[in-house]
N, C-alpha and C. Protein backbone atom coordinates (compact mmCIF):
# COMPACT_ATOMS: atom_id res chain seq x y z
N MET A 1 87.45 -1.09 47.79
CA MET A 1 86.93 -1.07 48.74
C MET A 1 86.12 -0.31 49.61
N GLY A 2 86.10 1.05 49.51
CA GLY A 2 84.73 2.45 49.43
C GLY A 2 84.04 1.59 48.21
N ARG A 3 83.64 1.33 46.69
CA ARG A 3 82.72 1.66 46.22
C ARG A 3 82.72 0.22 46.51
N LEU A 4 82.70 -0.61 47.06
CA LEU A 4 82.03 -1.29 47.66
C LEU A 4 81.41 -1.50 48.99
N VAL A 5 81.88 0.07 49.46
CA VAL A 5 81.08 -0.22 51.16
C VAL A 5 79.63 0.06 50.44
N GLY A 6 79.14 0.89 49.37
CA GLY A 6 77.79 1.82 49.16
C GLY A 6 77.29 1.16 48.40
N PRO A 7 76.70 -0.26 47.43
CA PRO A 7 75.65 -1.76 46.98
C PRO A 7 75.81 -2.61 48.83
N LEU A 8 77.33 -2.35 49.15
CA LEU A 8 77.47 -3.35 50.18
C LEU A 8 76.14 -2.41 51.26
N ALA A 9 76.45 -1.99 51.92
CA ALA A 9 75.26 -1.04 53.04
C ALA A 9 74.72 -1.04 52.13
N SER A 10 74.01 -0.90 50.57
CA SER A 10 72.49 -0.72 50.30
C SER A 10 71.91 -1.77 50.69
N MET A 11 72.53 -3.43 50.66
CA MET A 11 72.44 -5.41 50.73
C MET A 11 71.40 -5.42 51.96
N LEU A 12 72.79 -4.60 53.20
CA LEU A 12 71.99 -4.47 54.50
C LEU A 12 71.23 -4.37 54.99
N VAL A 13 70.73 -2.76 54.12
CA VAL A 13 69.24 -2.17 54.94
C VAL A 13 67.97 -3.25 54.06
N ILE A 14 68.22 -2.68 52.34
CA ILE A 14 67.56 -3.29 51.93
C ILE A 14 67.15 -5.08 52.59
N TRP A 15 68.16 -6.25 53.15
CA TRP A 15 67.66 -7.51 54.16
C TRP A 15 67.18 -6.84 55.26
N SER A 16 67.95 -6.08 56.58
CA SER A 16 66.68 -5.51 56.96
C SER A 16 65.81 -5.75 56.91
N VAL A 17 65.82 -4.57 56.08
CA VAL A 17 63.62 -3.79 56.18
C VAL A 17 63.12 -4.99 55.46
N LEU A 18 63.42 -5.96 54.92
CA LEU A 18 62.83 -7.47 54.43
C LEU A 18 62.62 -7.92 56.03
N THR A 19 63.61 -8.88 56.81
CA THR A 19 63.49 -9.84 58.07
C THR A 19 62.62 -9.06 58.43
N THR A 20 62.64 -8.05 58.92
CA THR A 20 61.88 -6.86 59.96
C THR A 20 60.04 -6.87 59.98
N ALA A 21 60.28 -6.79 58.23
CA ALA A 21 59.55 -6.47 57.47
C ALA A 21 57.95 -8.16 57.98
N GLY A 22 58.97 -9.56 57.54
CA GLY A 22 58.73 -10.91 57.88
C GLY A 22 58.39 -11.21 59.49
N ALA A 23 59.50 -9.94 60.34
CA ALA A 23 58.55 -10.47 61.81
C ALA A 23 57.17 -9.40 62.05
N ALA A 24 57.31 -8.93 61.31
CA ALA A 24 56.58 -8.01 62.41
C ALA A 24 55.12 -8.66 61.29
N GLY A 25 54.91 -8.69 60.44
CA GLY A 25 53.91 -9.61 59.88
C GLY A 25 53.55 -11.38 60.41
N ALA A 26 54.64 -11.65 61.36
CA ALA A 26 54.31 -12.85 62.10
C ALA A 26 52.92 -12.56 63.07
N ALA A 27 52.68 -13.73 63.44
CA ALA A 27 51.97 -13.61 65.02
C ALA A 27 52.32 -12.40 66.33
N GLU A 28 51.17 -12.06 66.89
CA GLU A 28 52.61 -10.39 67.26
C GLU A 28 51.28 -10.95 68.88
N VAL A 29 52.41 -10.15 70.01
CA VAL A 29 51.78 -9.86 71.00
C VAL A 29 52.00 -8.71 71.50
N VAL A 30 50.53 -8.05 72.35
CA VAL A 30 50.90 -6.50 72.86
C VAL A 30 50.94 -6.76 73.94
N ALA A 31 51.76 -6.56 74.93
CA ALA A 31 51.78 -5.87 76.41
C ALA A 31 51.22 -4.33 76.68
N LEU A 32 49.81 -4.57 77.41
CA LEU A 32 48.92 -3.43 77.22
C LEU A 32 48.81 -3.14 79.04
N GLY A 33 49.62 -2.18 79.79
CA GLY A 33 49.59 -1.59 80.83
C GLY A 33 49.70 -0.41 81.40
N ALA A 34 50.64 -0.71 82.71
CA ALA A 34 50.62 1.24 83.03
C ALA A 34 52.11 0.73 83.30
N SER A 35 52.61 1.36 84.39
CA SER A 35 54.33 1.17 84.44
C SER A 35 55.28 0.39 84.29
N ASN A 36 54.63 -0.21 84.97
CA ASN A 36 55.60 -1.99 84.95
C ASN A 36 55.26 -2.94 83.83
N THR A 37 54.18 -2.28 83.08
CA THR A 37 55.01 -2.98 81.56
C THR A 37 55.18 -1.71 80.43
N TYR A 38 55.35 -0.33 80.92
CA TYR A 38 56.57 0.79 80.30
C TYR A 38 58.69 -0.22 80.74
N GLY A 39 57.74 0.30 82.09
CA GLY A 39 59.42 -0.34 82.21
C GLY A 39 59.78 0.56 83.26
N LYS A 40 58.99 1.38 83.92
CA LYS A 40 59.84 2.45 84.15
C LYS A 40 61.15 2.17 85.00
N GLY A 41 62.10 3.38 84.88
CA GLY A 41 62.81 2.76 85.66
C GLY A 41 64.74 2.40 85.25
N VAL A 42 64.22 1.69 84.55
CA VAL A 42 65.36 1.35 83.81
C VAL A 42 64.92 1.52 82.41
N ASN A 43 66.76 0.78 81.36
CA ASN A 43 66.40 1.00 79.83
C ASN A 43 65.72 0.89 79.38
N ARG A 44 65.25 1.51 78.09
CA ARG A 44 64.54 0.66 76.94
C ARG A 44 65.29 -0.42 76.60
N GLY A 45 64.75 -2.16 76.03
CA GLY A 45 64.76 -3.64 76.37
C GLY A 45 65.06 -3.60 78.21
N GLU A 46 65.07 -3.59 78.91
CA GLU A 46 65.23 -4.12 79.91
C GLU A 46 63.50 -3.66 80.59
N ASP A 47 62.17 -3.38 79.49
CA ASP A 47 61.58 -4.36 80.36
C ASP A 47 60.94 -5.36 79.97
N PHE A 48 60.29 -5.83 80.48
CA PHE A 48 59.88 -7.14 80.65
C PHE A 48 58.97 -7.83 79.14
N PRO A 49 58.14 -6.59 78.41
CA PRO A 49 58.01 -6.69 76.90
C PRO A 49 58.69 -7.00 76.37
N ALA A 50 60.22 -6.14 76.14
CA ALA A 50 61.33 -6.74 75.39
C ALA A 50 62.36 -7.67 75.91
N GLN A 51 62.27 -8.10 76.57
CA GLN A 51 62.62 -9.35 77.28
C GLN A 51 62.43 -10.98 77.43
N LEU A 52 60.84 -10.56 76.82
CA LEU A 52 60.04 -11.49 76.93
C LEU A 52 60.25 -11.82 75.23
N GLU A 53 60.07 -11.10 74.74
CA GLU A 53 60.89 -10.82 72.63
C GLU A 53 61.99 -11.74 72.77
N ALA A 54 62.63 -11.33 73.46
CA ALA A 54 64.18 -12.29 73.16
C ALA A 54 64.20 -13.50 73.38
N MET A 55 63.61 -14.02 74.87
CA MET A 55 63.24 -15.23 75.12
C MET A 55 62.69 -16.07 74.49
N LEU A 56 61.40 -15.63 73.04
CA LEU A 56 60.55 -16.54 72.20
C LEU A 56 61.69 -16.42 71.27
N HIS A 57 61.95 -15.18 71.54
CA HIS A 57 63.59 -15.96 69.83
C HIS A 57 64.32 -16.71 69.78
N GLY A 58 64.94 -16.91 71.01
CA GLY A 58 65.47 -17.71 71.35
C GLY A 58 65.21 -18.75 71.63
N LYS A 59 63.77 -19.17 72.27
CA LYS A 59 63.82 -20.51 71.25
C LYS A 59 62.61 -20.54 70.13
N GLY A 60 63.00 -19.55 69.38
CA GLY A 60 62.61 -19.84 67.86
C GLY A 60 60.85 -19.56 67.46
N VAL A 61 60.44 -18.49 68.10
CA VAL A 61 59.37 -18.23 67.75
C VAL A 61 59.68 -16.52 67.81
N ARG A 62 59.23 -16.76 65.98
CA ARG A 62 59.73 -15.74 65.76
C ARG A 62 57.96 -14.33 65.68
N VAL A 63 58.40 -13.78 66.85
CA VAL A 63 56.88 -12.42 66.84
C VAL A 63 57.89 -11.20 67.11
N SER A 64 56.50 -10.22 67.22
CA SER A 64 57.44 -9.35 68.33
C SER A 64 56.19 -9.31 69.04
N VAL A 65 56.97 -8.30 70.31
CA VAL A 65 56.68 -8.02 71.93
C VAL A 65 56.69 -6.45 71.62
N ALA A 66 54.68 -6.09 70.85
CA ALA A 66 54.79 -4.50 70.98
C ALA A 66 54.62 -3.76 72.86
N ASN A 67 55.39 -2.90 73.61
CA ASN A 67 55.25 -2.23 74.14
C ASN A 67 54.23 -1.09 74.71
N ALA A 68 53.09 -1.56 75.20
CA ALA A 68 51.98 -0.40 74.72
C ALA A 68 51.05 0.10 76.30
N GLY A 69 52.47 -0.46 77.28
CA GLY A 69 52.27 0.02 78.60
C GLY A 69 52.85 1.89 78.73
N VAL A 70 51.97 2.50 79.15
CA VAL A 70 51.89 3.72 79.89
C VAL A 70 52.50 4.01 81.78
N ASN A 71 52.99 4.98 82.02
CA ASN A 71 53.28 5.22 83.22
C ASN A 71 51.53 5.68 83.63
N GLY A 72 51.65 5.33 84.86
CA GLY A 72 50.85 6.14 86.03
C GLY A 72 49.06 5.41 84.91
N ASP A 73 49.18 4.02 84.51
CA ASP A 73 47.95 5.15 83.03
C ASP A 73 46.59 4.06 84.03
N THR A 74 45.43 3.76 83.83
CA THR A 74 44.36 2.97 84.75
C THR A 74 44.15 1.87 83.36
N THR A 75 43.44 1.82 83.68
CA THR A 75 42.72 0.86 83.34
C THR A 75 41.63 1.42 82.26
N ALA A 76 40.66 2.29 82.75
CA ALA A 76 40.24 3.11 81.48
C ALA A 76 40.95 4.15 80.73
N GLY A 77 41.99 3.95 81.05
CA GLY A 77 43.50 4.79 79.50
C GLY A 77 43.70 3.35 79.01
N MET A 78 43.89 1.70 79.71
CA MET A 78 44.00 0.92 79.01
C MET A 78 42.42 0.78 77.74
N LEU A 79 42.08 0.54 77.89
CA LEU A 79 40.55 0.29 78.08
C LEU A 79 40.33 1.03 76.68
N SER A 80 40.36 2.85 76.48
CA SER A 80 41.02 3.25 75.80
C SER A 80 41.50 4.06 74.49
N ARG A 81 43.16 2.50 74.88
CA ARG A 81 44.41 1.96 73.52
C ARG A 81 43.79 1.28 73.37
N PHE A 82 42.86 0.23 73.74
CA PHE A 82 43.41 -1.23 73.24
C PHE A 82 42.67 -0.95 71.59
N ASP A 83 41.33 -0.40 70.94
CA ASP A 83 42.16 -0.45 70.05
C ASP A 83 43.44 -0.14 69.45
N GLY A 84 44.91 1.17 69.45
CA GLY A 84 45.20 1.69 68.99
C GLY A 84 45.99 0.77 69.11
N ALA A 85 46.16 0.21 70.18
CA ALA A 85 47.16 -1.15 70.87
C ALA A 85 47.56 -2.05 69.94
N VAL A 86 46.21 -2.99 69.29
CA VAL A 86 45.84 -4.24 68.83
C VAL A 86 46.06 -3.69 67.35
N ASP A 87 46.36 -4.81 66.78
CA ASP A 87 45.72 -4.60 65.63
C ASP A 87 45.52 -6.83 64.59
N GLY A 88 45.50 -6.40 63.89
CA GLY A 88 45.16 -7.34 63.19
C GLY A 88 45.85 -8.83 62.78
N SER A 89 46.66 -8.32 63.22
CA SER A 89 47.67 -9.96 63.72
C SER A 89 48.09 -9.86 65.37
N THR A 90 47.35 -9.00 66.02
CA THR A 90 47.31 -9.46 67.22
C THR A 90 46.84 -11.00 67.21
N ARG A 91 47.68 -11.89 68.70
CA ARG A 91 47.54 -12.97 69.02
C ARG A 91 46.78 -13.25 70.56
N VAL A 92 48.00 -12.30 71.56
CA VAL A 92 47.76 -12.66 72.37
C VAL A 92 48.05 -11.47 73.15
N LEU A 93 47.26 -10.89 74.18
CA LEU A 93 47.01 -10.20 74.97
C LEU A 93 47.62 -9.90 76.70
N LEU A 94 48.87 -9.09 76.72
CA LEU A 94 49.60 -9.24 77.57
C LEU A 94 48.76 -7.73 78.61
N LEU A 95 47.85 -8.14 79.41
CA LEU A 95 46.86 -7.04 80.14
C LEU A 95 48.25 -6.75 82.19
N GLN A 96 48.21 -5.56 82.09
CA GLN A 96 48.40 -5.77 83.10
C GLN A 96 47.94 -4.25 84.34
N PRO A 97 47.17 -4.53 84.51
CA PRO A 97 45.91 -3.05 84.86
C PRO A 97 46.94 -3.23 86.40
N GLY A 98 48.02 -3.42 87.10
CA GLY A 98 48.32 -2.43 87.68
C GLY A 98 47.44 -1.88 89.15
N GLY A 99 47.99 -0.58 89.85
CA GLY A 99 47.26 -0.76 90.75
C GLY A 99 46.88 1.35 90.70
N ASN A 100 46.85 1.31 89.62
CA ASN A 100 47.01 2.95 90.07
C ASN A 100 45.54 3.34 89.49
N ASP A 101 44.64 2.26 89.38
CA ASP A 101 42.86 3.01 90.01
C ASP A 101 42.86 3.82 90.69
N PHE A 102 43.30 2.23 92.50
CA PHE A 102 43.52 2.62 93.69
C PHE A 102 43.43 3.75 93.81
N ARG A 103 44.94 3.87 94.08
CA ARG A 103 46.26 5.70 93.74
C ARG A 103 44.79 6.46 93.33
N LYS A 104 44.73 6.82 92.08
CA LYS A 104 43.54 7.71 91.80
C LYS A 104 41.99 7.96 92.66
N GLY A 105 42.10 6.52 93.10
CA GLY A 105 40.59 6.53 93.86
C GLY A 105 39.15 6.79 92.53
N VAL A 106 39.51 5.03 91.85
CA VAL A 106 38.39 4.58 90.76
C VAL A 106 38.77 2.98 90.28
N GLY A 107 39.17 3.62 92.29
CA GLY A 107 39.35 1.59 92.17
C GLY A 107 37.78 0.50 91.38
N ASP A 108 36.65 1.08 91.25
CA ASP A 108 35.55 1.25 91.20
C ASP A 108 35.75 0.34 90.56
N GLN A 109 36.05 1.19 89.29
CA GLN A 109 36.08 0.85 88.04
C GLN A 109 36.46 -0.03 87.68
N ARG A 110 37.48 -0.79 88.50
CA ARG A 110 38.95 -0.87 87.41
C ARG A 110 38.14 -3.02 86.93
N GLY A 111 36.81 -4.10 87.87
CA GLY A 111 36.36 -4.42 87.31
C GLY A 111 35.79 -4.53 85.77
N SER A 112 35.03 -3.72 85.63
CA SER A 112 34.39 -3.51 84.91
C SER A 112 35.62 -2.99 84.00
N ASN A 113 36.23 -2.23 83.39
CA ASN A 113 37.28 -2.26 82.86
C ASN A 113 38.18 -4.08 82.12
N ILE A 114 38.53 -3.98 82.91
CA ILE A 114 39.25 -4.92 82.91
C ILE A 114 38.11 -5.99 81.75
N SER A 115 36.78 -5.83 82.67
CA SER A 115 36.10 -6.89 81.58
C SER A 115 35.92 -7.21 80.71
N ALA A 116 36.02 -5.35 80.14
CA ALA A 116 35.62 -4.67 78.74
C ALA A 116 36.13 -4.80 78.29
N ILE A 117 38.04 -4.78 78.74
CA ILE A 117 39.32 -5.57 77.32
C ILE A 117 39.01 -6.37 77.24
N THR A 118 39.18 -7.59 78.26
CA THR A 118 38.68 -9.33 77.76
C THR A 118 37.78 -9.21 76.97
N ALA A 119 36.91 -8.95 76.91
CA ALA A 119 35.79 -8.85 76.02
C ALA A 119 35.54 -8.70 74.41
N LYS A 120 36.73 -7.07 74.66
CA LYS A 120 37.22 -6.81 73.76
C LYS A 120 38.03 -7.27 72.40
N ALA A 121 38.79 -8.39 72.92
CA ALA A 121 39.80 -9.68 73.27
C ALA A 121 39.76 -10.73 71.81
N ALA A 122 38.26 -11.14 72.92
CA ALA A 122 37.51 -12.30 72.15
C ALA A 122 37.06 -11.74 71.82
N GLN A 123 36.00 -10.42 71.26
CA GLN A 123 35.74 -10.60 69.85
C GLN A 123 36.70 -9.95 68.85
N HIS A 124 37.92 -10.02 69.18
CA HIS A 124 39.25 -9.95 67.95
C HIS A 124 40.18 -11.47 68.08
N HIS A 125 39.53 -12.06 68.80
CA HIS A 125 39.59 -13.68 69.25
C HIS A 125 41.40 -13.49 69.24
N ILE A 126 41.50 -12.82 70.13
CA ILE A 126 43.10 -12.51 71.28
C ILE A 126 42.75 -13.16 72.15
N ARG A 127 44.13 -14.30 72.66
CA ARG A 127 44.31 -14.92 74.06
C ARG A 127 44.91 -13.21 74.92
N VAL A 128 44.24 -13.44 76.34
CA VAL A 128 44.68 -13.12 77.29
C VAL A 128 45.44 -13.43 78.62
N VAL A 129 46.36 -13.13 78.63
CA VAL A 129 47.26 -13.28 80.04
C VAL A 129 46.98 -12.18 80.90
N MET A 130 47.01 -12.54 81.96
CA MET A 130 46.64 -11.81 82.85
C MET A 130 47.90 -11.03 83.59
N VAL A 131 48.87 -9.89 83.91
CA VAL A 131 50.01 -10.34 84.65
C VAL A 131 49.19 -9.00 85.79
N GLU A 132 48.73 -9.95 87.10
CA GLU A 132 48.46 -8.70 87.85
C GLU A 132 49.36 -8.38 89.08
N ASN A 133 48.55 -7.26 89.65
CA ASN A 133 50.12 -7.21 90.62
C ASN A 133 51.41 -8.09 91.60
N GLY A 134 49.95 -9.72 91.94
CA GLY A 134 50.94 -10.90 92.46
C GLY A 134 52.16 -11.30 91.99
N MET A 135 51.63 -11.11 90.83
CA MET A 135 53.13 -11.53 89.40
C MET A 135 54.16 -10.88 90.35
N LEU A 136 54.91 -9.89 90.58
CA LEU A 136 56.25 -9.24 91.66
C LEU A 136 55.52 -9.29 93.02
N ARG A 137 55.24 -9.13 93.34
CA ARG A 137 55.59 -10.00 94.48
C ARG A 137 56.81 -11.08 94.52
N GLY A 138 58.58 -11.04 95.22
CA GLY A 138 59.37 -11.59 95.59
C GLY A 138 59.95 -11.43 93.40
N LEU A 139 59.96 -10.36 93.35
CA LEU A 139 60.46 -10.28 92.45
C LEU A 139 61.59 -8.89 92.93
N PRO A 140 62.70 -8.78 92.24
CA PRO A 140 63.97 -7.74 92.41
C PRO A 140 63.09 -6.25 92.35
N HIS A 141 62.48 -5.14 93.38
CA HIS A 141 62.14 -4.45 93.04
C HIS A 141 63.15 -3.16 93.26
N GLN A 142 63.06 -1.63 92.05
CA GLN A 142 63.85 -0.92 91.83
C GLN A 142 63.75 -0.40 94.84
N VAL A 143 64.45 0.33 94.09
CA VAL A 143 64.43 1.60 95.78
C VAL A 143 62.60 2.32 96.06
N ASP A 144 62.02 2.49 94.76
CA ASP A 144 61.01 2.99 95.38
C ASP A 144 59.75 2.11 95.76
N GLY A 145 59.96 0.97 95.32
CA GLY A 145 59.32 -1.05 95.92
C GLY A 145 58.37 -1.06 95.44
N GLN A 146 57.93 0.24 94.10
CA GLN A 146 56.49 0.00 93.43
C GLN A 146 56.63 -1.18 91.03
N HIS A 147 58.43 -1.07 91.23
CA HIS A 147 58.77 -0.69 89.66
C HIS A 147 59.89 -1.99 89.75
N LEU A 148 60.16 -2.51 88.58
CA LEU A 148 61.07 -4.05 88.96
C LEU A 148 62.25 -3.32 88.56
N THR A 149 63.41 -4.64 88.97
CA THR A 149 64.59 -4.36 88.47
C THR A 149 65.07 -4.76 86.57
N PRO A 150 65.93 -4.38 86.39
CA PRO A 150 66.13 -4.96 85.17
C PRO A 150 65.67 -7.02 85.34
N ASP A 151 66.63 -7.32 86.07
CA ASP A 151 66.51 -9.34 86.26
C ASP A 151 65.10 -9.31 87.28
N GLY A 152 64.47 -8.12 87.68
CA GLY A 152 62.87 -8.22 87.92
C GLY A 152 62.51 -8.66 86.97
N TYR A 153 62.84 -8.15 85.40
CA TYR A 153 61.45 -7.68 84.65
C TYR A 153 61.66 -9.46 83.53
N ARG A 154 62.83 -9.49 84.05
CA ARG A 154 63.76 -10.52 83.04
C ARG A 154 62.79 -11.75 83.79
N MET A 155 62.55 -12.21 85.40
CA MET A 155 62.32 -13.20 85.88
C MET A 155 60.62 -12.50 85.61
N LEU A 156 59.64 -12.02 86.16
CA LEU A 156 58.61 -12.03 85.26
C LEU A 156 58.53 -12.19 83.57
N ALA A 157 58.96 -12.30 82.46
CA ALA A 157 59.57 -12.65 81.28
C ALA A 157 59.50 -14.14 81.41
N ALA A 158 60.09 -14.65 81.81
CA ALA A 158 60.47 -15.59 82.71
C ALA A 158 59.09 -16.34 82.60
N ALA A 159 58.60 -16.23 83.41
CA ALA A 159 57.42 -16.50 83.84
C ALA A 159 56.35 -16.95 83.21
N LEU A 160 56.46 -15.45 82.07
CA LEU A 160 55.23 -15.78 81.43
C LEU A 160 55.23 -16.08 80.17
N LEU A 161 56.77 -16.65 80.27
CA LEU A 161 57.25 -17.42 78.93
C LEU A 161 56.33 -18.42 78.19
N PRO A 162 56.36 -19.55 79.29
CA PRO A 162 55.10 -20.63 78.54
C PRO A 162 53.73 -20.75 78.14
N ARG A 163 53.35 -19.32 79.05
CA ARG A 163 51.57 -18.50 79.19
C ARG A 163 51.75 -18.73 77.62
N VAL A 164 52.78 -17.22 77.59
CA VAL A 164 52.52 -16.70 76.32
C VAL A 164 52.33 -18.31 74.96
N MET A 165 54.16 -18.54 74.93
CA MET A 165 53.93 -19.59 74.07
C MET A 165 52.33 -20.79 73.98
N SER A 166 52.04 -20.70 75.33
CA SER A 166 51.02 -21.18 75.01
C SER A 166 49.43 -21.78 74.06
N GLY A 167 49.24 -19.87 74.51
CA GLY A 167 48.38 -18.90 73.59
C GLY A 167 48.40 -18.78 72.13
N LEU A 168 50.22 -18.50 70.95
CA LEU A 168 50.38 -18.10 70.64
C LEU A 168 49.89 -19.56 69.50
N ARG A 169 50.32 -20.79 70.18
CA ARG A 169 49.52 -22.27 69.86
C ARG A 169 47.98 -22.58 69.31
N LYS A 170 48.09 -22.44 69.92
CA LYS A 170 45.98 -21.94 70.10
C LYS A 170 45.67 -21.13 68.76
């Protein structure tokens, strides 16, 4: 029995690498944003990009959803991180600009930065799905009033699901 564990374990590792590589090569969704994209205050896997990926898989859509959220980020930061966040397999960009520009006194740059991000996405033939703060209203929030609970992130992912699926089909 002990002799089978080694080869069996090796086979499972190889299978896992091959199936993961296949999924990574599929159409990709990138969530670019601030703390509500990152999932501040919740465990990894409870953020909306992770829950969206699970929902997509549940619908038979084998894509990876990359979480490119950074706590406290501004749209200028998102613009500067764009090229590192997307690659040739990215087909849909979830852009959650948040409200940090206003909190950090650079609210006047928000619109032009969003325009620059969407223009870069268009150059790469990436569809943009906006995740504005209005989409967070009415969802369960943590006690800080800013960030969603795991259920709130699940509800946000469910609201985004049809838009992302549509973006992947085009």
